[in-house]
C-alpha atoms as a PDB file:
ATOM      1  CA  MET A   1       0.000   0.000   0.000  1.00  0.00           C
ATOM      2  CA  ARG A   2       2.910   2.319   0.681  1.00  0.00           C
ATOM      3  CA  ALA A   3       4.108   1.856  -2.874  1.00  0.00           C
ATOM      4  CA  VAL A   4       0.727   2.983  -4.186  1.00  0.00           C
ATOM      5  CA  TRP A   5       0.859   6.140  -2.102  1.00  0.00           C
ATOM      6  CA  ALA A   6       4.431   6.781  -3.235  1.00  0.00           C
ATOM      7  CA  VAL A   7       3.429   6.416  -6.882  1.00  0.00           C
ATOM      8  CA  MET A   8       0.414   8.645  -6.350  1.00  0.00           C
ATOM      9  CA  GLY A   9       2.691  11.242  -4.749  1.00  0.00           C
ATOM     10  CA  VAL A  10       5.001  11.140  -7.744  1.00  0.00           C
ATOM     11  CA  LEU A  11       2.011  11.484 -10.072  1.00  0.00           C
ATOM     12  CA  PHE A  12       0.810  14.479  -8.091  1.00  0.00           C
ATOM     13  CA  VAL A  13       4.221  16.140  -8.335  1.00  0.00           C
ATOM     14  CA  LEU A  14       4.345  15.487 -12.087  1.00  0.00           C
ATOM     15  CA  SER A  15       0.898  16.999 -12.475  1.00  0.00           C
ATOM     16  CA  ALA A  16       1.976  20.040 -10.487  1.00  0.00           C
ATOM     17  CA  VAL A  17       5.016  20.477 -12.728  1.00  0.00           C
ATOM     18  CA  VAL A  18       2.805  20.311 -15.811  1.00  0.00           C
ATOM     19  CA  ALA A  19       0.410  22.845 -14.283  1.00  0.00           C
ATOM     20  CA  ILE A  20       3.271  25.213 -13.470  1.00  0.00           C
ATOM     21  CA  THR A  21       4.684  24.949 -16.976  1.00  0.00           C
ATOM     22  CA  ALA A  22       1.228  25.773 -18.321  1.00  0.00           C
ATOM     23  CA  THR A  23       1.793  29.389 -17.308  1.00  0.00           C
ATOM     24  CA  ILE A  24       4.901  29.680 -19.499  1.00  0.00           C
ATOM     25  CA  PRO A  25       3.939  30.990 -22.935  1.00  0.00           C
ATOM     26  CA  VAL A  26       5.115  29.123 -25.992  1.00  0.00           C
ATOM     27  CA  GLY A  27       6.986  31.002 -28.733  1.00  0.00           C
ATOM     28  CA  ILE A  28       5.061  32.951 -31.329  1.00  0.00           C
ATOM     29  CA  ASN A  29       6.385  33.252 -34.873  1.00  0.00           C
ATOM     30  CA  ALA A  30       6.224  36.250 -37.199  1.00  0.00           C
ATOM     31  CA  GLN A  31       3.779  34.604 -39.597  1.00  0.00           C
ATOM     32  CA  GLU A  32       1.207  34.060 -36.845  1.00  0.00           C
ATOM     33  CA  VAL A  33       1.604  37.658 -35.671  1.00  0.00           C
ATOM     34  CA  GLY A  34       1.230  38.926 -39.249  1.00  0.00           C
ATOM     35  CA  GLU A  35      -1.935  36.903 -39.862  1.00  0.00           C
ATOM     36  CA  GLU A  36      -3.509  37.962 -36.578  1.00  0.00           C
ATOM     37  CA  ALA A  37      -2.472  41.596 -37.173  1.00  0.00           C
ATOM     38  CA  GLU A  38      -4.241  41.553 -40.556  1.00  0.00           C
ATOM     39  CA  VAL A  39      -7.452  40.370 -38.931  1.00  0.00           C
ATOM     40  CA  ILE A  40      -7.217  43.038 -36.224  1.00  0.00           C
ATOM     41  CA  ALA A  41      -6.330  45.768 -38.745  1.00  0.00           C
ATOM     42  CA  GLU A  42      -9.342  44.858 -40.912  1.00  0.00           C
ATOM     43  CA  SER A  43     -11.708  45.127 -37.952  1.00  0.00           C
ATOM     44  CA  ASN A  44     -10.050  48.355 -36.658  1.00  0.00           C
ATOM     45  CA  PRO A  45      -8.771  50.341 -39.688  1.00  0.00           C
ATOM     46  CA  ASN A  46      -7.934  53.476 -37.645  1.00  0.00           C
ATOM     47  CA  MET A  47      -5.717  51.659 -35.134  1.00  0.00           C
ATOM     48  CA  PRO A  48      -1.982  52.475 -35.370  1.00  0.00           C
ATOM     49  CA  SER A  49       0.152  49.623 -36.693  1.00  0.00           C
ATOM     50  CA  ALA A  50       2.219  49.355 -33.487  1.00  0.00           C
ATOM     51  CA  ASP A  51      -0.979  48.897 -31.493  1.00  0.00           C
ATOM     52  CA  VAL A  52      -2.197  46.313 -33.998  1.00  0.00           C
ATOM     53  CA  ILE A  53       1.022  44.316 -33.561  1.00  0.00           C
ATOM     54  CA  ASP A  54       0.810  44.592 -29.753  1.00  0.00           C
ATOM     55  CA  ALA A  55      -2.824  43.470 -29.808  1.00  0.00           C
ATOM     56  CA  ALA A  56      -1.980  40.531 -32.089  1.00  0.00           C
ATOM     57  CA  VAL A  57       0.891  39.395 -29.872  1.00  0.00           C
ATOM     58  CA  SER A  58      -1.143  39.606 -26.685  1.00  0.00           C
ATOM     59  CA  LEU A  59      -4.066  37.789 -28.288  1.00  0.00           C
ATOM     60  CA  LEU A  60      -1.777  35.001 -29.513  1.00  0.00           C
ATOM     61  CA  ARG A  61      -0.116  34.690 -26.081  1.00  0.00           C
ATOM     62  CA  LEU A  62      -3.511  34.473 -24.426  1.00  0.00           C
ATOM     63  CA  GLU A  63      -4.618  31.777 -26.871  1.00  0.00           C
ATOM     64  CA  GLN A  64      -1.448  29.746 -26.324  1.00  0.00           C
ATOM     65  CA  ARG A  65      -1.763  29.986 -22.540  1.00  0.00           C
ATOM     66  CA  ARG A  66      -5.333  28.767 -22.814  1.00  0.00           C
ATOM     67  CA  ARG A  67      -4.273  25.787 -24.925  1.00  0.00           C
ATOM     68  CA  VAL A  68      -1.413  24.855 -22.616  1.00  0.00           C
ATOM     69  CA  THR A  69      -3.733  25.174 -19.621  1.00  0.00           C
ATOM     70  CA  TYR A  70      -6.152  22.720 -21.216  1.00  0.00           C
ATOM     71  CA  LEU A  71      -3.230  20.401 -21.898  1.00  0.00           C
ATOM     72  CA  ALA A  72      -2.165  20.603 -18.248  1.00  0.00           C
ATOM     73  CA  LEU A  73      -5.721  19.909 -17.112  1.00  0.00           C
ATOM     74  CA  ALA A  74      -5.889  16.897 -19.408  1.00  0.00           C
ATOM     75  CA  TYR A  75      -2.646  15.543 -17.938  1.00  0.00           C
ATOM     76  CA  LEU A  76      -3.935  16.185 -14.425  1.00  0.00           C
ATOM     77  CA  PHE A  77      -7.153  14.320 -15.210  1.00  0.00           C
ATOM     78  CA  VAL A  78      -5.321  11.340 -16.706  1.00  0.00           C
ATOM     79  CA  TRP A  79      -2.881  11.110 -13.779  1.00  0.00           C
ATOM     80  CA  THR A  80      -5.745  11.380 -11.306  1.00  0.00           C
ATOM     81  CA  VAL A  81      -7.663   8.584 -13.022  1.00  0.00           C
ATOM     82  CA  LEU A  82      -4.535   6.416 -13.145  1.00  0.00           C
ATOM     83  CA  GLY A  83      -3.803   7.108  -9.477  1.00  0.00           C
ATOM     84  CA  GLY A  84      -7.379   6.207  -8.532  1.00  0.00           C
ATOM     85  CA  TYR A  85      -7.171   3.013 -10.555  1.00  0.00           C
ATOM     86  CA  MET A  86      -3.890   2.090  -8.869  1.00  0.00           C
ATOM     87  CA  ALA A  87      -5.442   2.719  -5.446  1.00  0.00           C
ATOM     88  CA  LEU A  88      -8.380   0.505  -6.396  1.00  0.00           C
ATOM     89  CA  ILE A  89      -6.066  -2.278  -7.559  1.00  0.00           C
ATOM     90  CA  ALA A  90      -3.984  -1.974  -4.373  1.00  0.00           C
ATOM     91  CA  ARG A  91      -7.115  -2.211  -2.251  1.00  0.00           C
ATOM     92  CA  ARG A  92      -8.246  -5.319  -4.103  1.00  0.00           C
ATOM     93  CA  GLN A  93      -4.779  -6.809  -3.775  1.00  0.00           C
ATOM     94  CA  GLY A  94      -4.899  -6.209  -0.013  1.00  0.00           C
ATOM     95  CA  ARG A  95      -8.257  -7.977   0.188  1.00  0.00           C
ATOM     96  CA  LEU A  96      -6.926 -10.906  -1.835  1.00  0.00           C
ATOM     97  CA  GLN A  97      -3.846 -11.191   0.371  1.00  0.00           C
ATOM     98  CA  ALA A  98      -6.042 -11.174   3.466  1.00  0.00           C
ATOM     99  CA  GLU A  99      -8.265 -13.852   1.930  1.00  0.00           C
ATOM    100  CA  LEU A 100      -5.217 -15.959   1.030  1.00  0.00           C
ATOM    101  CA  ALA A 101      -3.884 -15.621   4.568  1.00  0.00           C
ATOM    102  CA  ARG A 102      -7.271 -16.652   5.958  1.00  0.00           C
ATOM    103  CA  LEU A 103      -7.460 -19.664   3.642  1.00  0.00           C
ATOM    104  CA  GLN A 104      -3.864 -20.640   4.427  1.00  0.00           C
ATOM    105  CA  ALA A 105      -4.637 -20.497   8.145  1.00  0.00           C
ATOM    106  CA  ARG A 106      -7.726 -22.618   7.546  1.00  0.00           C
ATOM    107  CA  VAL A 107      -5.692 -25.197   5.593  1.00  0.00           C
ATOM    108  CA  ASP A 108      -3.016 -25.250   8.302  1.00  0.00           C
ATOM    109  CA  ARG A 109      -5.649 -25.894  11.013  1.00  0.00           C
ATOM    110  CA  SER A 110      -7.467 -28.653   9.191  1.00  0.00           C
ATOM    111  CA  PRO A 111      -6.329 -32.250   9.754  1.00  0.00           C
ATOM    112  CA  SER A 112      -4.640 -33.775   6.748  1.00  0.00           C
END
């Protein structure tokens, strides 16, 4: 049972690391900024080009953070399900070991 808790602890730490890395933005390339800037410039023709670029970059960063956050949540969900499954298996294994010990004691007590 201790091994199950140790594995679940490791899984929790891994999930925490993934969640922390979810706040780090991923790189944005010039093509993405250009495409997003065109869309923003079309919807706001009077906006200065520097503001359009700034708006495009911040919108792309926000979108990437959102995607990475969903990825981290997916990892957290999977690790949680796996940890729960491992705890269930460990519990069943404990019951089986107790049953085996009970049966072994019964066999040892019975006359041969």
